[in-house]
PDB file of N, CA and C in Angstrom:
ATOM      1  N   MET A   1       0.845  -1.178   0.001  1.00  0.00           N
ATOM      2  CA  MET A   1      -0.001   0.001  -0.007  1.00  0.00           C
ATOM      3  C   MET A   1       0.885   1.255  -0.009  1.00  0.00           C
ATOM      4  N   ASP A   2       0.420   2.280  -0.643  1.00  0.00           N
ATOM      5  CA  ASP A   2       1.194   3.530  -0.782  1.00  0.00           C
ATOM      6  C   ASP A   2       0.891   4.444   0.419  1.00  0.00           C
ATOM      7  N   TYR A   3       1.854   4.599   1.275  1.00  0.00           N
ATOM      8  CA  TYR A   3       1.706   5.444   2.478  1.00  0.00           C
ATOM      9  C   TYR A   3       2.482   6.738   2.345  1.00  0.00           C
ATOM     10  N   THR A   4       2.086   7.559   1.401  1.00  0.00           N
ATOM     11  CA  THR A   4       2.732   8.876   1.256  1.00  0.00           C
ATOM     12  C   THR A   4       1.886   9.944   1.893  1.00  0.00           C
ATOM     13  N   LEU A   5       2.529  11.025   2.199  1.00  0.00           N
ATOM     14  CA  LEU A   5       1.845  12.170   2.819  1.00  0.00           C
ATOM     15  C   LEU A   5       0.657  12.612   1.969  1.00  0.00           C
ATOM     16  N   GLU A   6       0.885  12.664   0.644  1.00  0.00           N
ATOM     17  CA  GLU A   6      -0.163  13.139  -0.241  1.00  0.00           C
ATOM     18  C   GLU A   6      -1.389  12.253  -0.270  1.00  0.00           C
ATOM     19  N   LYS A   7      -1.243  11.004   0.168  1.00  0.00           N
ATOM     20  CA  LYS A   7      -2.423  10.081   0.225  1.00  0.00           C
ATOM     21  C   LYS A   7      -3.157  10.174   1.558  1.00  0.00           C
ATOM     22  N   LEU A   8      -2.593  10.862   2.503  1.00  0.00           N
ATOM     23  CA  LEU A   8      -3.206  10.982   3.824  1.00  0.00           C
ATOM     24  C   LEU A   8      -4.435  11.920   3.760  1.00  0.00           C
ATOM     25  N   GLU A   9      -5.597  11.396   4.103  1.00  0.00           N
ATOM     26  CA  GLU A   9      -6.844  12.142   3.958  1.00  0.00           C
ATOM     27  C   GLU A   9      -6.835  13.469   4.736  1.00  0.00           C
ATOM     28  N   VAL A  10      -6.369  13.443   5.958  1.00  0.00           N
ATOM     29  CA  VAL A  10      -6.394  14.674   6.765  1.00  0.00           C
ATOM     30  C   VAL A  10      -5.481  15.723   6.133  1.00  0.00           C
ATOM     31  N   TYR A  11      -4.402  15.300   5.516  1.00  0.00           N
ATOM     32  CA  TYR A  11      -3.522  16.251   4.815  1.00  0.00           C
ATOM     33  C   TYR A  11      -4.219  16.827   3.588  1.00  0.00           C
ATOM     34  N   GLN A  12      -4.876  15.967   2.810  1.00  0.00           N
ATOM     35  CA  GLN A  12      -5.630  16.427   1.635  1.00  0.00           C
ATOM     36  C   GLN A  12      -6.671  17.439   2.028  1.00  0.00           C
ATOM     37  N   LEU A  13      -7.466  17.113   3.057  1.00  0.00           N
ATOM     38  CA  LEU A  13      -8.527  18.004   3.520  1.00  0.00           C
ATOM     39  C   LEU A  13      -7.977  19.332   3.959  1.00  0.00           C
ATOM     40  N   SER A  14      -6.889  19.307   4.710  1.00  0.00           N
ATOM     41  CA  SER A  14      -6.311  20.560   5.206  1.00  0.00           C
ATOM     42  C   SER A  14      -5.714  21.409   4.105  1.00  0.00           C
ATOM     43  N   GLU A  15      -5.144  20.780   3.080  1.00  0.00           N
ATOM     44  CA  GLU A  15      -4.630  21.510   1.932  1.00  0.00           C
ATOM     45  C   GLU A  15      -5.768  22.203   1.189  1.00  0.00           C
ATOM     46  N   ALA A  16      -6.871  21.450   0.948  1.00  0.00           N
ATOM     47  CA  ALA A  16      -8.014  22.033   0.244  1.00  0.00           C
ATOM     48  C   ALA A  16      -8.633  23.174   1.081  1.00  0.00           C
ATOM     49  N   PHE A  17      -8.674  22.969   2.350  1.00  0.00           N
ATOM     50  CA  PHE A  17      -9.220  24.001   3.280  1.00  0.00           C
ATOM     51  C   PHE A  17      -8.409  25.289   3.192  1.00  0.00           C
ATOM     52  N   SER A  18      -7.101  25.181   3.263  1.00  0.00           N
ATOM     53  CA  SER A  18      -6.263  26.384   3.195  1.00  0.00           C
ATOM     54  C   SER A  18      -6.316  27.048   1.840  1.00  0.00           C
ATOM     55  N   ASP A  19      -6.492  26.255   0.765  1.00  0.00           N
ATOM     56  CA  ASP A  19      -6.674  26.841  -0.576  1.00  0.00           C
ATOM     57  C   ASP A  19      -7.973  27.629  -0.653  1.00  0.00           C
ATOM     58  N   THR A  20      -9.018  27.102  -0.001  1.00  0.00           N
ATOM     59  CA  THR A  20     -10.293  27.824   0.036  1.00  0.00           C
ATOM     60  C   THR A  20     -10.171  29.137   0.774  1.00  0.00           C
ATOM     61  N   ILE A  21      -9.482  29.099   1.896  1.00  0.00           N
ATOM     62  CA  ILE A  21      -9.269  30.326   2.680  1.00  0.00           C
ATOM     63  C   ILE A  21      -8.505  31.344   1.833  1.00  0.00           C
ATOM     64  N   TRP A  22      -7.467  30.898   1.135  1.00  0.00           N
ATOM     65  CA  TRP A  22      -6.682  31.750   0.251  1.00  0.00           C
ATOM     66  C   TRP A  22      -7.568  32.403  -0.774  1.00  0.00           C
ATOM     67  N   ASP A  23      -8.392  31.580  -1.450  1.00  0.00           N
ATOM     68  CA  ASP A  23      -9.259  32.120  -2.506  1.00  0.00           C
ATOM     69  C   ASP A  23     -10.206  33.186  -1.972  1.00  0.00           C
ATOM     70  N   ILE A  24     -10.721  32.996  -0.772  1.00  0.00           N
ATOM     71  CA  ILE A  24     -11.629  33.985  -0.178  1.00  0.00           C
ATOM     72  C   ILE A  24     -10.865  35.270   0.108  1.00  0.00           C
ATOM     73  N   VAL A  25      -9.725  35.134   0.763  1.00  0.00           N
ATOM     74  CA  VAL A  25      -8.941  36.323   1.138  1.00  0.00           C
ATOM     75  C   VAL A  25      -8.504  37.122  -0.084  1.00  0.00           C
ATOM     76  N   MET A  26      -8.216  36.460  -1.178  1.00  0.00           N
ATOM     77  CA  MET A  26      -7.763  37.172  -2.369  1.00  0.00           C
ATOM     78  C   MET A  26      -8.832  38.079  -2.966  1.00  0.00           C
ATOM     79  N   THR A  27     -10.080  37.943  -2.545  1.00  0.00           N
ATOM     80  CA  THR A  27     -11.164  38.817  -3.028  1.00  0.00           C
ATOM     81  C   THR A  27     -11.319  40.049  -2.151  1.00  0.00           C
ATOM     82  N   TRP A  28     -10.623  40.112  -1.019  1.00  0.00           N
ATOM     83  CA  TRP A  28     -10.787  41.187  -0.079  1.00  0.00           C
ATOM     84  C   TRP A  28     -10.035  42.456  -0.488  1.00  0.00           C
ATOM     85  N   ASP A  29     -10.437  43.595   0.088  1.00  0.00           N
ATOM     86  CA  ASP A  29      -9.711  44.847  -0.126  1.00  0.00           C
ATOM     87  C   ASP A  29      -8.387  44.788   0.620  1.00  0.00           C
ATOM     88  N   ILE A  30      -7.526  45.765   0.318  1.00  0.00           N
ATOM     89  CA  ILE A  30      -6.160  45.795   0.877  1.00  0.00           C
ATOM     90  C   ILE A  30      -6.144  45.783   2.413  1.00  0.00           C
ATOM     91  N   PHE A  31      -6.991  46.599   3.054  1.00  0.00           N
ATOM     92  CA  PHE A  31      -6.969  46.657   4.506  1.00  0.00           C
ATOM     93  C   PHE A  31      -7.298  45.304   5.126  1.00  0.00           C
ATOM     94  N   ARG A  32      -8.333  44.645   4.628  1.00  0.00           N
ATOM     95  CA  ARG A  32      -8.693  43.317   5.150  1.00  0.00           C
ATOM     96  C   ARG A  32      -7.624  42.300   4.894  1.00  0.00           C
ATOM     97  N   LYS A  33      -7.059  42.314   3.678  1.00  0.00           N
ATOM     98  CA  LYS A  33      -5.964  41.378   3.376  1.00  0.00           C
ATOM     99  C   LYS A  33      -4.789  41.587   4.296  1.00  0.00           C
ATOM    100  N   ASP A  34      -4.475  42.839   4.581  1.00  0.00           N
ATOM    101  CA  ASP A  34      -3.270  43.175   5.356  1.00  0.00           C
ATOM    102  C   ASP A  34      -3.422  42.888   6.837  1.00  0.00           C
ATOM    103  N   THR A  35      -4.657  42.866   7.324  1.00  0.00           N
ATOM    104  CA  THR A  35      -4.895  42.634   8.759  1.00  0.00           C
ATOM    105  C   THR A  35      -5.303  41.195   8.988  1.00  0.00           C
ATOM    106  N   ILE A  36      -6.552  40.897   8.898  1.00  0.00           N
ATOM    107  CA  ILE A  36      -7.081  39.563   9.153  1.00  0.00           C
ATOM    108  C   ILE A  36      -6.619  38.570   8.084  1.00  0.00           C
ATOM    109  N   GLY A  37      -6.540  39.035   6.842  1.00  0.00           N
ATOM    110  CA  GLY A  37      -6.225  38.160   5.722  1.00  0.00           C
ATOM    111  C   GLY A  37      -4.892  37.415   5.910  1.00  0.00           C
ATOM    112  N   LYS A  38      -3.861  38.164   6.247  1.00  0.00           N
ATOM    113  CA  LYS A  38      -2.558  37.558   6.426  1.00  0.00           C
ATOM    114  C   LYS A  38      -2.561  36.544   7.580  1.00  0.00           C
ATOM    115  N   GLN A  39      -3.256  36.894   8.646  1.00  0.00           N
ATOM    116  CA  GLN A  39      -3.307  36.033   9.800  1.00  0.00           C
ATOM    117  C   GLN A  39      -4.038  34.712   9.536  1.00  0.00           C
ATOM    118  N   ILE A  40      -5.200  34.835   8.866  1.00  0.00           N
ATOM    119  CA  ILE A  40      -5.989  33.605   8.633  1.00  0.00           C
ATOM    120  C   ILE A  40      -5.321  32.698   7.588  1.00  0.00           C
ATOM    121  N   VAL A  41      -4.676  33.300   6.593  1.00  0.00           N
ATOM    122  CA  VAL A  41      -3.948  32.493   5.611  1.00  0.00           C
ATOM    123  C   VAL A  41      -2.775  31.776   6.304  1.00  0.00           C
ATOM    124  N   ARG A  42      -2.042  32.467   7.146  1.00  0.00           N
ATOM    125  CA  ARG A  42      -0.934  31.824   7.835  1.00  0.00           C
ATOM    126  C   ARG A  42      -1.385  30.668   8.720  1.00  0.00           C
ATOM    127  N   SER A  43      -2.462  30.892   9.474  1.00  0.00           N
ATOM    128  CA  SER A  43      -2.919  29.826  10.364  1.00  0.00           C
ATOM    129  C   SER A  43      -3.490  28.666   9.563  1.00  0.00           C
ATOM    130  N   ALA A  44      -4.197  28.931   8.487  1.00  0.00           N
ATOM    131  CA  ALA A  44      -4.786  27.841   7.682  1.00  0.00           C
ATOM    132  C   ALA A  44      -3.672  27.072   6.980  1.00  0.00           C
ATOM    133  N   ASP A  45      -2.665  27.765   6.438  1.00  0.00           N
ATOM    134  CA  ASP A  45      -1.559  27.073   5.803  1.00  0.00           C
ATOM    135  C   ASP A  45      -0.747  26.246   6.786  1.00  0.00           C
ATOM    136  N   SER A  46      -0.700  26.709   8.022  1.00  0.00           N
ATOM    137  CA  SER A  46       0.064  26.028   9.053  1.00  0.00           C
ATOM    138  C   SER A  46      -0.544  24.671   9.422  1.00  0.00           C
ATOM    139  N   ILE A  47      -1.818  24.480   9.169  1.00  0.00           N
ATOM    140  CA  ILE A  47      -2.462  23.197   9.508  1.00  0.00           C
ATOM    141  C   ILE A  47      -1.783  22.072   8.743  1.00  0.00           C
ATOM    142  N   SER A  48      -1.768  22.176   7.414  1.00  0.00           N
ATOM    143  CA  SER A  48      -1.166  21.104   6.616  1.00  0.00           C
ATOM    144  C   SER A  48       0.343  21.090   6.720  1.00  0.00           C
ATOM    145  N   ALA A  49       0.957  22.272   6.912  1.00  0.00           N
ATOM    146  CA  ALA A  49       2.405  22.355   7.021  1.00  0.00           C
ATOM    147  C   ALA A  49       2.891  21.577   8.236  1.00  0.00           C
ATOM    148  N   ASN A  50       2.186  21.691   9.342  1.00  0.00           N
ATOM    149  CA  ASN A  50       2.584  20.954  10.541  1.00  0.00           C
ATOM    150  C   ASN A  50       2.289  19.481  10.429  1.00  0.00           C
ATOM    151  N   ILE A  51       1.227  19.119   9.728  1.00  0.00           N
ATOM    152  CA  ILE A  51       0.965  17.691   9.468  1.00  0.00           C
ATOM    153  C   ILE A  51       2.135  17.139   8.652  1.00  0.00           C
ATOM    154  N   ALA A  52       2.574  17.858   7.645  1.00  0.00           N
ATOM    155  CA  ALA A  52       3.682  17.398   6.802  1.00  0.00           C
ATOM    156  C   ALA A  52       4.971  17.269   7.622  1.00  0.00           C
ATOM    157  N   GLU A  53       5.219  18.242   8.484  1.00  0.00           N
ATOM    158  CA  GLU A  53       6.443  18.180   9.279  1.00  0.00           C
ATOM    159  C   GLU A  53       6.382  17.004  10.264  1.00  0.00           C
ATOM    160  N   GLY A  54       5.230  16.819  10.894  1.00  0.00           N
ATOM    161  CA  GLY A  54       5.079  15.682  11.789  1.00  0.00           C
ATOM    162  C   GLY A  54       5.203  14.338  11.082  1.00  0.00           C
ATOM    163  N   TYR A  55       4.664  14.272   9.886  1.00  0.00           N
ATOM    164  CA  TYR A  55       4.722  13.058   9.084  1.00  0.00           C
ATOM    165  C   TYR A  55       6.168  12.682   8.770  1.00  0.00           C
ATOM    166  N   GLY A  56       7.006  13.708   8.594  1.00  0.00           N
ATOM    167  CA  GLY A  56       8.378  13.480   8.253  1.00  0.00           C
ATOM    168  C   GLY A  56       9.290  13.153   9.410  1.00  0.00           C
ATOM    169  N   ARG A  57       8.797  13.226  10.612  1.00  0.00           N
ATOM    170  CA  ARG A  57       9.621  12.947  11.808  1.00  0.00           C
ATOM    171  C   ARG A  57       9.709  11.430  12.032  1.00  0.00           C
ATOM    172  N   TYR A  58      10.817  11.004  12.582  1.00  0.00           N
ATOM    173  CA  TYR A  58      11.046   9.582  12.802  1.00  0.00           C
ATOM    174  C   TYR A  58      10.355   9.058  14.066  1.00  0.00           C
ATOM    175  N   TYR A  59      10.426   9.817  15.122  1.00  0.00           N
ATOM    176  CA  TYR A  59       9.893   9.355  16.397  1.00  0.00           C
ATOM    177  C   TYR A  59       8.483   9.865  16.617  1.00  0.00           C
ATOM    178  N   TYR A  60       7.646   9.029  17.215  1.00  0.00           N
ATOM    179  CA  TYR A  60       6.249   9.369  17.434  1.00  0.00           C
ATOM    180  C   TYR A  60       6.125  10.654  18.287  1.00  0.00           C
ATOM    181  N   LYS A  61       6.938  10.771  19.324  1.00  0.00           N
ATOM    182  CA  LYS A  61       6.821  11.929  20.200  1.00  0.00           C
ATOM    183  C   LYS A  61       7.045  13.241  19.413  1.00  0.00           C
ATOM    184  N   GLU A  62       7.974  13.219  18.497  1.00  0.00           N
ATOM    185  CA  GLU A  62       8.197  14.375  17.634  1.00  0.00           C
ATOM    186  C   GLU A  62       7.019  14.599  16.721  1.00  0.00           C
ATOM    187  N   SER A  63       6.587  13.510  16.074  1.00  0.00           N
ATOM    188  CA  SER A  63       5.461  13.604  15.152  1.00  0.00           C
ATOM    189  C   SER A  63       4.231  14.175  15.863  1.00  0.00           C
ATOM    190  N   LYS A  64       3.955  13.596  17.016  1.00  0.00           N
ATOM    191  CA  LYS A  64       2.767  14.011  17.795  1.00  0.00           C
ATOM    192  C   LYS A  64       2.795  15.502  18.110  1.00  0.00           C
ATOM    193  N   GLN A  65       3.974  16.027  18.433  1.00  0.00           N
ATOM    194  CA  GLN A  65       4.082  17.440  18.793  1.00  0.00           C
ATOM    195  C   GLN A  65       3.655  18.304  17.608  1.00  0.00           C
ATOM    196  N   PHE A  66       4.067  17.939  16.398  1.00  0.00           N
ATOM    197  CA  PHE A  66       3.688  18.718  15.235  1.00  0.00           C
ATOM    198  C   PHE A  66       2.198  18.550  14.889  1.00  0.00           C
ATOM    199  N   PHE A  67       1.652  17.369  15.161  1.00  0.00           N
ATOM    200  CA  PHE A  67       0.206  17.210  14.968  1.00  0.00           C
ATOM    201  C   PHE A  67      -0.557  18.071  15.958  1.00  0.00           C
ATOM    202  N   PHE A  68      -0.048  18.209  17.143  1.00  0.00           N
ATOM    203  CA  PHE A  68      -0.669  19.118  18.115  1.00  0.00           C
ATOM    204  C   PHE A  68      -0.551  20.589  17.659  1.00  0.00           C
ATOM    205  N   TYR A  69       0.580  20.963  17.085  1.00  0.00           N
ATOM    206  CA  TYR A  69       0.700  22.306  16.514  1.00  0.00           C
ATOM    207  C   TYR A  69      -0.339  22.519  15.449  1.00  0.00           C
ATOM    208  N   SER A  70      -0.571  21.482  14.641  1.00  0.00           N
ATOM    209  CA  SER A  70      -1.576  21.559  13.585  1.00  0.00           C
ATOM    210  C   SER A  70      -2.969  21.806  14.208  1.00  0.00           C
ATOM    211  N   ARG A  71      -3.269  21.107  15.292  1.00  0.00           N
ATOM    212  CA  ARG A  71      -4.539  21.336  15.992  1.00  0.00           C
ATOM    213  C   ARG A  71      -4.653  22.749  16.469  1.00  0.00           C
ATOM    214  N   GLY A  72      -3.577  23.296  16.987  1.00  0.00           N
ATOM    215  CA  GLY A  72      -3.575  24.684  17.449  1.00  0.00           C
ATOM    216  C   GLY A  72      -3.829  25.644  16.298  1.00  0.00           C
ATOM    217  N   SER A  73      -3.219  25.393  15.166  1.00  0.00           N
ATOM    218  CA  SER A  73      -3.443  26.255  13.988  1.00  0.00           C
ATOM    219  C   SER A  73      -4.883  26.161  13.497  1.00  0.00           C
ATOM    220  N   LEU A  74      -5.450  24.971  13.612  1.00  0.00           N
ATOM    221  CA  LEU A  74      -6.842  24.788  13.217  1.00  0.00           C
ATOM    222  C   LEU A  74      -7.752  25.617  14.119  1.00  0.00           C
ATOM    223  N   GLN A  75      -7.505  25.587  15.424  1.00  0.00           N
ATOM    224  CA  GLN A  75      -8.314  26.361  16.364  1.00  0.00           C
ATOM    225  C   GLN A  75      -8.137  27.861  16.095  1.00  0.00           C
ATOM    226  N   GLU A  76      -6.906  28.267  15.780  1.00  0.00           N
ATOM    227  CA  GLU A  76      -6.652  29.678  15.475  1.00  0.00           C
ATOM    228  C   GLU A  76      -7.439  30.104  14.229  1.00  0.00           C
ATOM    229  N   THR A  77      -7.438  29.241  13.219  1.00  0.00           N
ATOM    230  CA  THR A  77      -8.175  29.544  12.021  1.00  0.00           C
ATOM    231  C   THR A  77      -9.655  29.666  12.281  1.00  0.00           C
ATOM    232  N   LYS A  78     -10.203  28.797  13.119  1.00  0.00           N
ATOM    233  CA  LYS A  78     -11.616  28.891  13.497  1.00  0.00           C
ATOM    234  C   LYS A  78     -11.875  30.235  14.200  1.00  0.00           C
ATOM    235  N   SER A  79     -10.969  30.661  15.028  1.00  0.00           N
ATOM    236  CA  SER A  79     -11.109  31.952  15.721  1.00  0.00           C
ATOM    237  C   SER A  79     -11.171  33.106  14.700  1.00  0.00           C
ATOM    238  N   TRP A  80     -10.275  33.066  13.730  1.00  0.00           N
ATOM    239  CA  TRP A  80     -10.276  34.112  12.700  1.00  0.00           C
ATOM    240  C   TRP A  80     -11.581  34.071  11.875  1.00  0.00           C
ATOM    241  N   LEU A  81     -12.070  32.884  11.595  1.00  0.00           N
ATOM    242  CA  LEU A  81     -13.338  32.770  10.880  1.00  0.00           C
ATOM    243  C   LEU A  81     -14.485  33.372  11.684  1.00  0.00           C
ATOM    244  N   SER A  82     -14.474  33.142  12.990  1.00  0.00           N
ATOM    245  CA  SER A  82     -15.527  33.739  13.822  1.00  0.00           C
ATOM    246  C   SER A  82     -15.428  35.253  13.821  1.00  0.00           C
ATOM    247  N   LYS A  83     -14.228  35.781  13.842  1.00  0.00           N
ATOM    248  CA  LYS A  83     -14.046  37.246  13.759  1.00  0.00           C
ATOM    249  C   LYS A  83     -14.567  37.768  12.414  1.00  0.00           C
ATOM    250  N   CYS A  84     -14.249  37.043  11.347  1.00  0.00           N
ATOM    251  CA  CYS A  84     -14.707  37.439  10.012  1.00  0.00           C
ATOM    252  C   CYS A  84     -16.233  37.465   9.938  1.00  0.00           C
ATOM    253  N   LYS A  85     -16.852  36.491  10.581  1.00  0.00           N
ATOM    254  CA  LYS A  85     -18.306  36.437  10.618  1.00  0.00           C
ATOM    255  C   LYS A  85     -18.879  37.602  11.393  1.00  0.00           C
ATOM    256  N   ARG A  86     -18.332  37.872  12.591  1.00  0.00           N
ATOM    257  CA  ARG A  86     -18.818  38.961  13.426  1.00  0.00           C
ATOM    258  C   ARG A  86     -18.635  40.305  12.761  1.00  0.00           C
ATOM    259  N   ARG A  87     -17.549  40.464  12.055  1.00  0.00           N
ATOM    260  CA  ARG A  87     -17.241  41.744  11.407  1.00  0.00           C
ATOM    261  C   ARG A  87     -17.832  41.831   9.987  1.00  0.00           C
ATOM    262  N   LYS A  88     -18.589  40.806   9.629  1.00  0.00           N
ATOM    263  CA  LYS A  88     -19.295  40.790   8.334  1.00  0.00           C
ATOM    264  C   LYS A  88     -18.339  40.846   7.123  1.00  0.00           C
ATOM    265  N   ILE A  89     -17.182  40.208   7.308  1.00  0.00           N
ATOM    266  CA  ILE A  89     -16.208  40.103   6.200  1.00  0.00           C
ATOM    267  C   ILE A  89     -16.562  38.897   5.365  1.00  0.00           C
ATOM    268  N   ILE A  90     -16.959  37.817   6.030  1.00  0.00           N
ATOM    269  CA  ILE A  90     -17.452  36.613   5.373  1.00  0.00           C
ATOM    270  C   ILE A  90     -18.888  36.426   5.815  1.00  0.00           C
ATOM    271  N   GLU A  91     -19.780  36.106   4.851  1.00  0.00           N
ATOM    272  CA  GLU A  91     -21.173  35.895   5.175  1.00  0.00           C
ATOM    273  C   GLU A  91     -21.309  34.780   6.212  1.00  0.00           C
ATOM    274  N   LYS A  92     -22.292  34.941   7.054  1.00  0.00           N
ATOM    275  CA  LYS A  92     -22.509  34.006   8.179  1.00  0.00           C
ATOM    276  C   LYS A  92     -22.558  32.539   7.703  1.00  0.00           C
ATOM    277  N   ASP A  93     -23.377  32.276   6.676  1.00  0.00           N
ATOM    278  CA  ASP A  93     -23.522  30.908   6.197  1.00  0.00           C
ATOM    279  C   ASP A  93     -22.186  30.325   5.701  1.00  0.00           C
ATOM    280  N   ARG A  94     -21.442  31.124   4.975  1.00  0.00           N
ATOM    281  CA  ARG A  94     -20.155  30.677   4.432  1.00  0.00           C
ATOM    282  C   ARG A  94     -19.144  30.446   5.570  1.00  0.00           C
ATOM    283  N   ALA A  95     -19.118  31.352   6.541  1.00  0.00           N
ATOM    284  CA  ALA A  95     -18.223  31.202   7.687  1.00  0.00           C
ATOM    285  C   ALA A  95     -18.589  29.938   8.489  1.00  0.00           C
ATOM    286  N   ASP A  96     -19.889  29.709   8.657  1.00  0.00           N
ATOM    287  CA  ASP A  96     -20.300  28.502   9.377  1.00  0.00           C
ATOM    288  C   ASP A  96     -19.904  27.245   8.619  1.00  0.00           C
ATOM    289  N   GLU A  97     -20.003  27.247   7.279  1.00  0.00           N
ATOM    290  CA  GLU A  97     -19.566  26.100   6.467  1.00  0.00           C
ATOM    291  C   GLU A  97     -18.098  25.832   6.686  1.00  0.00           C
ATOM    292  N   LEU A  98     -17.305  26.883   6.670  1.00  0.00           N
ATOM    293  CA  LEU A  98     -15.862  26.750   6.865  1.00  0.00           C
ATOM    294  C   LEU A  98     -15.504  26.260   8.282  1.00  0.00           C
ATOM    295  N   ILE A  99     -16.231  26.765   9.258  1.00  0.00           N
ATOM    296  CA  ILE A  99     -15.979  26.285  10.630  1.00  0.00           C
ATOM    297  C   ILE A  99     -16.362  24.821  10.755  1.00  0.00           C
ATOM    298  N   ASN A 100     -17.432  24.417  10.111  1.00  0.00           N
ATOM    299  CA  ASN A 100     -17.836  22.982  10.111  1.00  0.00           C
ATOM    300  C   ASN A 100     -16.766  22.148   9.413  1.00  0.00           C
ATOM    301  N   GLU A 101     -16.214  22.646   8.314  1.00  0.00           N
ATOM    302  CA  GLU A 101     -15.145  21.937   7.618  1.00  0.00           C
ATOM    303  C   GLU A 101     -13.926  21.782   8.529  1.00  0.00           C
ATOM    304  N   ALA A 102     -13.614  22.847   9.269  1.00  0.00           N
ATOM    305  CA  ALA A 102     -12.498  22.808  10.214  1.00  0.00           C
ATOM    306  C   ALA A 102     -12.742  21.748  11.285  1.00  0.00           C
ATOM    307  N   GLU A 103     -13.975  21.619  11.744  1.00  0.00           N
ATOM    308  CA  GLU A 103     -14.337  20.588  12.731  1.00  0.00           C
ATOM    309  C   GLU A 103     -14.127  19.186  12.180  1.00  0.00           C
ATOM    310  N   LYS A 104     -14.468  18.976  10.904  1.00  0.00           N
ATOM    311  CA  LYS A 104     -14.256  17.683  10.272  1.00  0.00           C
ATOM    312  C   LYS A 104     -12.779  17.349  10.209  1.00  0.00           C
ATOM    313  N   ILE A 105     -11.980  18.369   9.857  1.00  0.00           N
ATOM    314  CA  ILE A 105     -10.535  18.156   9.773  1.00  0.00           C
ATOM    315  C   ILE A 105      -9.983  17.832  11.187  1.00  0.00           C
ATOM    316  N   LEU A 106     -10.494  18.527  12.173  1.00  0.00           N
ATOM    317  CA  LEU A 106     -10.052  18.276  13.557  1.00  0.00           C
ATOM    318  C   LEU A 106     -10.370  16.823  13.972  1.00  0.00           C
ATOM    319  N   ALA A 107     -11.550  16.351  13.630  1.00  0.00           N
ATOM    320  CA  ALA A 107     -11.908  14.981  13.963  1.00  0.00           C
ATOM    321  C   ALA A 107     -10.969  13.980  13.260  1.00  0.00           C
ATOM    322  N   LYS A 108     -10.652  14.249  11.986  1.00  0.00           N
ATOM    323  CA  LYS A 108      -9.729  13.376  11.245  1.00  0.00           C
ATOM    324  C   LYS A 108      -8.338  13.431  11.827  1.00  0.00           C
ATOM    325  N   LEU A 109      -7.909  14.631  12.210  1.00  0.00           N
ATOM    326  CA  LEU A 109      -6.569  14.764  12.794  1.00  0.00           C
ATOM    327  C   LEU A 109      -6.482  14.047  14.141  1.00  0.00           C
ATOM    328  N   ASN A 110      -7.504  14.178  14.965  1.00  0.00           N
ATOM    329  CA  ASN A 110      -7.519  13.448  16.244  1.00  0.00           C
ATOM    330  C   ASN A 110      -7.501  11.960  16.006  1.00  0.00           C
ATOM    331  N   GLY A 111      -8.252  11.516  15.019  1.00  0.00           N
ATOM    332  CA  GLY A 111      -8.249  10.074  14.680  1.00  0.00           C
ATOM    333  C   GLY A 111      -6.872   9.617  14.218  1.00  0.00           C
ATOM    334  N   TYR A 112      -6.207  10.435  13.427  1.00  0.00           N
ATOM    335  CA  TYR A 112      -4.878  10.059  12.965  1.00  0.00           C
ATOM    336  C   TYR A 112      -3.886  10.021  14.113  1.00  0.00           C
ATOM    337  N   ILE A 113      -3.960  10.948  15.048  1.00  0.00           N
ATOM    338  CA  ILE A 113      -3.088  10.948  16.203  1.00  0.00           C
ATOM    339  C   ILE A 113      -3.306   9.685  16.996  1.00  0.00           C
ATOM    340  N   LYS A 114      -4.555   9.289  17.198  1.00  0.00           N
ATOM    341  CA  LYS A 114      -4.862   8.038  17.931  1.00  0.00           C
ATOM    342  C   LYS A 114      -4.334   6.823  17.197  1.00  0.00           C
ATOM    343  N   PHE A 115      -4.476   6.821  15.866  1.00  0.00           N
ATOM    344  CA  PHE A 115      -3.991   5.699  15.054  1.00  0.00           C
ATOM    345  C   PHE A 115      -2.492   5.568  15.167  1.00  0.00           C
ATOM    346  N   ILE A 116      -1.760   6.675  15.087  1.00  0.00           N
ATOM    347  CA  ILE A 116      -0.322   6.641  15.192  1.00  0.00           C
ATOM    348  C   ILE A 116       0.098   6.196  16.590  1.00  0.00           C
ATOM    349  N   ALA A 117      -0.598   6.664  17.578  1.00  0.00           N
ATOM    350  CA  ALA A 117      -0.271   6.318  18.963  1.00  0.00           C
ATOM    351  C   ALA A 117      -0.431   4.830  19.214  1.00  0.00           C
ATOM    352  N   ALA A 118      -1.377   4.198  18.533  1.00  0.00           N
ATOM    353  CA  ALA A 118      -1.654   2.775  18.713  1.00  0.00           C
ATOM    354  C   ALA A 118      -0.719   1.907  17.874  1.00  0.00           C
ATOM    355  N   SER A 119      -0.006   2.495  16.930  1.00  0.00           N
ATOM    356  CA  SER A 119       0.848   1.732  16.053  1.00  0.00           C
ATOM    357  C   SER A 119       2.043   1.158  16.792  1.00  0.00           C
ATOM    358  N   PRO A 120       2.290  -0.160  16.673  1.00  0.00           N
ATOM    359  CA  PRO A 120       3.408  -0.788  17.389  1.00  0.00           C
ATOM    360  C   PRO A 120       4.738  -0.147  16.981  1.00  0.00           C
ATOM    361  N   LYS A 121       4.851   0.264  15.744  1.00  0.00           N
ATOM    362  CA  LYS A 121       6.095   0.865  15.236  1.00  0.00           C
ATOM    363  C   LYS A 121       6.447   2.136  16.049  1.00  0.00           C
ATOM    364  N   HIS A 122       5.413   2.821  16.517  1.00  0.00           N
ATOM    365  CA  HIS A 122       5.646   4.095  17.229  1.00  0.00           C
ATOM    366  C   HIS A 122       5.586   3.940  18.745  1.00  0.00           C
ATOM    367  N   ASN A 123       5.388   2.741  19.232  1.00  0.00           N
ATOM    368  CA  ASN A 123       5.297   2.542  20.677  1.00  0.00           C
ATOM    369  C   ASN A 123       6.619   2.107  21.309  1.00  0.00           C
ATOM    370  N   LYS A 124       7.673   2.052  20.514  1.00  0.00           N
ATOM    371  CA  LYS A 124       8.981   1.718  21.115  1.00  0.00           C
ATOM    372  C   LYS A 124       9.519   2.937  21.825  1.00  0.00           C
ATOM    373  N   LYS A 125      10.413   2.723  22.737  1.00  0.00           N
ATOM    374  CA  LYS A 125      11.016   3.810  23.503  1.00  0.00           C
ATOM    375  C   LYS A 125      11.832   4.723  22.551  1.00  0.00           C
ATOM    376  N   ASP A 126      11.571   6.051  22.663  1.00  0.00           N
ATOM    377  CA  ASP A 126      12.417   6.984  21.884  1.00  0.00           C
ATOM    378  C   ASP A 126      13.164   7.919  22.761  1.00  0.00           C
TER     379      ASP A 126
END
């Protein structure tokens, strides 16, 4: 079986999610792009970037730490989406869709962390 990063569902979902955030921000005016836009793009991009970095680590403890960073970036992105909704930068329905998508990614990421933790390969002493 092909176990590459690009085949990992949580990675694929987080990449698509950050691309969606990028596409939305690119339609904003300069002020919004320069303030909230930069922050939300960075946090959304960091989700998949930390999954990739964790995937590339040899020891589970190192991998897990980067997966936790990814969870933090996901929560940060949700916070920015809530601000965008409150400030009427993104329509309520669209913001809610994106927050729901973030929740799905979070569930997948938590599942992946549990899967890796249960793997005999990663339960040796590091």
